Amino acid sequence: LDRIKLVEVRANGQPALASFADEEGDGVHRAYGVMVFAFAGERIAGITGFARDAELFERFGLPDRF
Protein backbone atom coordinates (compact mmCIF):
# COMPACT_ATOMS: atom_id res chain seq x y z
CA LEU A 1 0.00 0.00 0.00
CA ASP A 2 2.98 2.33 0.41
CA ARG A 3 3.37 2.20 -3.35
CA ILE A 4 -0.12 3.65 -4.04
CA LYS A 5 -1.26 7.23 -3.45
CA LEU A 6 -4.92 8.24 -3.74
CA VAL A 7 -6.32 11.71 -4.45
CA GLU A 8 -10.00 12.57 -3.98
CA VAL A 9 -11.71 13.99 -7.05
CA ARG A 10 -15.27 14.23 -8.38
CA ALA A 11 -16.45 12.90 -11.72
CA ASN A 12 -19.85 14.00 -13.03
CA GLY A 13 -20.74 15.02 -9.48
CA GLN A 14 -19.86 11.60 -8.08
CA PRO A 15 -17.04 10.86 -5.65
CA ALA A 16 -13.94 9.37 -7.23
CA LEU A 17 -10.34 8.52 -6.46
CA ALA A 18 -7.37 9.10 -8.73
CA SER A 19 -4.61 6.61 -8.07
CA PHE A 20 -0.89 6.99 -8.52
CA ALA A 21 1.30 3.89 -8.32
CA ASP A 22 5.00 3.31 -7.82
CA GLU A 23 5.06 0.24 -10.05
CA GLU A 24 8.81 0.45 -10.68
CA GLY A 25 9.78 0.72 -7.03
CA ASP A 26 11.74 3.92 -7.65
CA GLY A 27 9.69 6.13 -5.33
CA VAL A 28 7.91 7.91 -8.19
CA HIS A 29 4.12 7.54 -8.14
CA ARG A 30 2.84 7.77 -11.72
CA ALA A 31 -0.76 8.31 -12.84
CA TYR A 32 -2.42 4.91 -12.87
CA GLY A 33 -6.21 5.14 -12.91
CA VAL A 34 -9.43 6.74 -11.73
CA MET A 35 -12.21 4.95 -9.84
CA VAL A 36 -15.68 6.53 -9.86
CA PHE A 37 -18.11 5.42 -7.14
CA ALA A 38 -21.88 5.06 -7.52
CA PHE A 39 -23.94 5.03 -4.33
CA ALA A 40 -27.32 3.62 -3.35
CA GLY A 41 -28.13 5.37 -0.11
CA GLU A 42 -25.04 5.11 2.04
CA ARG A 43 -23.68 2.01 0.30
CA ILE A 44 -21.38 1.71 -2.66
CA ALA A 45 -23.47 0.30 -5.51
CA GLY A 46 -20.74 0.21 -8.12
CA ILE A 47 -17.25 1.25 -9.08
CA THR A 48 -16.25 2.19 -12.62
CA GLY A 49 -12.53 2.20 -13.30
CA PHE A 50 -10.52 3.98 -15.96
CA ALA A 51 -6.93 2.72 -16.14
CA ARG A 52 -3.91 4.36 -17.70
CA ASP A 53 -5.66 7.33 -19.31
CA ALA A 54 -3.27 10.30 -19.13
CA GLU A 55 -5.85 12.64 -20.70
CA LEU A 56 -8.26 11.91 -17.86
CA PHE A 57 -5.69 13.04 -15.29
CA GLU A 58 -5.20 16.24 -17.30
CA ARG A 59 -8.98 16.88 -17.25
CA PHE A 60 -8.95 16.65 -13.46
CA GLY A 61 -6.01 19.06 -13.32
CA LEU A 62 -3.82 16.37 -11.77
CA PRO A 63 -0.10 15.86 -12.38
CA ASP A 64 1.14 12.75 -14.17
CA ARG A 65 3.38 11.85 -11.21
CA PHE A 66 4.24 12.63 -7.58
C-alpha atoms as a PDB file:
ATOM      1  CA  LEU A   1       0.000   0.000   0.000  1.00  0.00           C
ATOM      2  CA  ASP A   2       2.984   2.326   0.413  1.00  0.00           C
ATOM      3  CA  ARG A   3       3.368   2.197  -3.354  1.00  0.00           C
ATOM      4  CA  ILE A   4      -0.117   3.646  -4.040  1.00  0.00           C
ATOM      5  CA  LYS A   5      -1.261   7.230  -3.451  1.00  0.00           C
ATOM      6  CA  LEU A   6      -4.916   8.242  -3.744  1.00  0.00           C
ATOM      7  CA  VAL A   7      -6.322  11.706  -4.454  1.00  0.00           C
ATOM      8  CA  GLU A   8      -9.996  12.569  -3.975  1.00  0.00           C
ATOM      9  CA  VAL A   9     -11.714  13.991  -7.052  1.00  0.00           C
ATOM     10  CA  ARG A  10     -15.269  14.231  -8.375  1.00  0.00           C
ATOM     11  CA  ALA A  11     -16.446  12.902 -11.721  1.00  0.00           C
ATOM     12  CA  ASN A  12     -19.845  14.005 -13.033  1.00  0.00           C
ATOM     13  CA  GLY A  13     -20.742  15.015  -9.484  1.00  0.00           C
ATOM     14  CA  GLN A  14     -19.863  11.599  -8.084  1.00  0.00           C
ATOM     15  CA  PRO A  15     -17.040  10.857  -5.653  1.00  0.00           C
ATOM     16  CA  ALA A  16     -13.943   9.370  -7.230  1.00  0.00           C
ATOM     17  CA  LEU A  17     -10.338   8.524  -6.464  1.00  0.00           C
ATOM     18  CA  ALA A  18      -7.368   9.096  -8.732  1.00  0.00           C
ATOM     19  CA  SER A  19      -4.607   6.609  -8.066  1.00  0.00           C
ATOM     20  CA  PHE A  20      -0.887   6.988  -8.525  1.00  0.00           C
ATOM     21  CA  ALA A  21       1.298   3.885  -8.324  1.00  0.00           C
ATOM     22  CA  ASP A  22       5.003   3.312  -7.816  1.00  0.00           C
ATOM     23  CA  GLU A  23       5.064   0.238 -10.046  1.00  0.00           C
ATOM     24  CA  GLU A  24       8.808   0.450 -10.682  1.00  0.00           C
ATOM     25  CA  GLY A  25       9.778   0.716  -7.026  1.00  0.00           C
ATOM     26  CA  ASP A  26      11.741   3.922  -7.653  1.00  0.00           C
ATOM     27  CA  GLY A  27       9.689   6.128  -5.331  1.00  0.00           C
ATOM     28  CA  VAL A  28       7.905   7.911  -8.190  1.00  0.00           C
ATOM     29  CA  HIS A  29       4.125   7.545  -8.135  1.00  0.00           C
ATOM     30  CA  ARG A  30       2.840   7.767 -11.718  1.00  0.00           C
ATOM     31  CA  ALA A  31      -0.759   8.312 -12.838  1.00  0.00           C
ATOM     32  CA  TYR A  32      -2.422   4.905 -12.869  1.00  0.00           C
ATOM     33  CA  GLY A  33      -6.207   5.139 -12.905  1.00  0.00           C
ATOM     34  CA  VAL A  34      -9.433   6.744 -11.726  1.00  0.00           C
ATOM     35  CA  MET A  35     -12.214   4.954  -9.836  1.00  0.00           C
ATOM     36  CA  VAL A  36     -15.684   6.526  -9.864  1.00  0.00           C
ATOM     37  CA  PHE A  37     -18.107   5.422  -7.143  1.00  0.00           C
ATOM     38  CA  ALA A  38     -21.882   5.061  -7.523  1.00  0.00           C
ATOM     39  CA  PHE A  39     -23.940   5.033  -4.330  1.00  0.00           C
ATOM     40  CA  ALA A  40     -27.321   3.623  -3.348  1.00  0.00           C
ATOM     41  CA  GLY A  41     -28.132   5.371  -0.115  1.00  0.00           C
ATOM     42  CA  GLU A  42     -25.038   5.113   2.044  1.00  0.00           C
ATOM     43  CA  ARG A  43     -23.676   2.007   0.303  1.00  0.00           C
ATOM     44  CA  ILE A  44     -21.377   1.708  -2.657  1.00  0.00           C
ATOM     45  CA  ALA A  45     -23.474   0.300  -5.508  1.00  0.00           C
ATOM     46  CA  GLY A  46     -20.742   0.210  -8.122  1.00  0.00           C
ATOM     47  CA  ILE A  47     -17.250   1.248  -9.084  1.00  0.00           C
ATOM     48  CA  THR A  48     -16.253   2.190 -12.620  1.00  0.00           C
ATOM     49  CA  GLY A  49     -12.525   2.199 -13.297  1.00  0.00           C
ATOM     50  CA  PHE A  50     -10.516   3.980 -15.961  1.00  0.00           C
ATOM     51  CA  ALA A  51      -6.934   2.721 -16.136  1.00  0.00           C
ATOM     52  CA  ARG A  52      -3.914   4.362 -17.700  1.00  0.00           C
ATOM     53  CA  ASP A  53      -5.662   7.329 -19.307  1.00  0.00           C
ATOM     54  CA  ALA A  54      -3.271  10.304 -19.130  1.00  0.00           C
ATOM     55  CA  GLU A  55      -5.852  12.636 -20.704  1.00  0.00           C
ATOM     56  CA  LEU A  56      -8.265  11.906 -17.864  1.00  0.00           C
ATOM     57  CA  PHE A  57      -5.692  13.039 -15.293  1.00  0.00           C
ATOM     58  CA  GLU A  58      -5.205  16.244 -17.301  1.00  0.00           C
ATOM     59  CA  ARG A  59      -8.981  16.880 -17.245  1.00  0.00           C
ATOM     60  CA  PHE A  60      -8.953  16.651 -13.457  1.00  0.00           C
ATOM     61  CA  GLY A  61      -6.010  19.058 -13.321  1.00  0.00           C
ATOM     62  CA  LEU A  62      -3.816  16.371 -11.775  1.00  0.00           C
ATOM     63  CA  PRO A  63      -0.101  15.857 -12.376  1.00  0.00           C
ATOM     64  CA  ASP A  64       1.136  12.754 -14.171  1.00  0.00           C
ATOM     65  CA  ARG A  65       3.377  11.851 -11.211  1.00  0.00           C
ATOM     66  CA  PHE A  66       4.243  12.635  -7.585  1.00  0.00           C
END
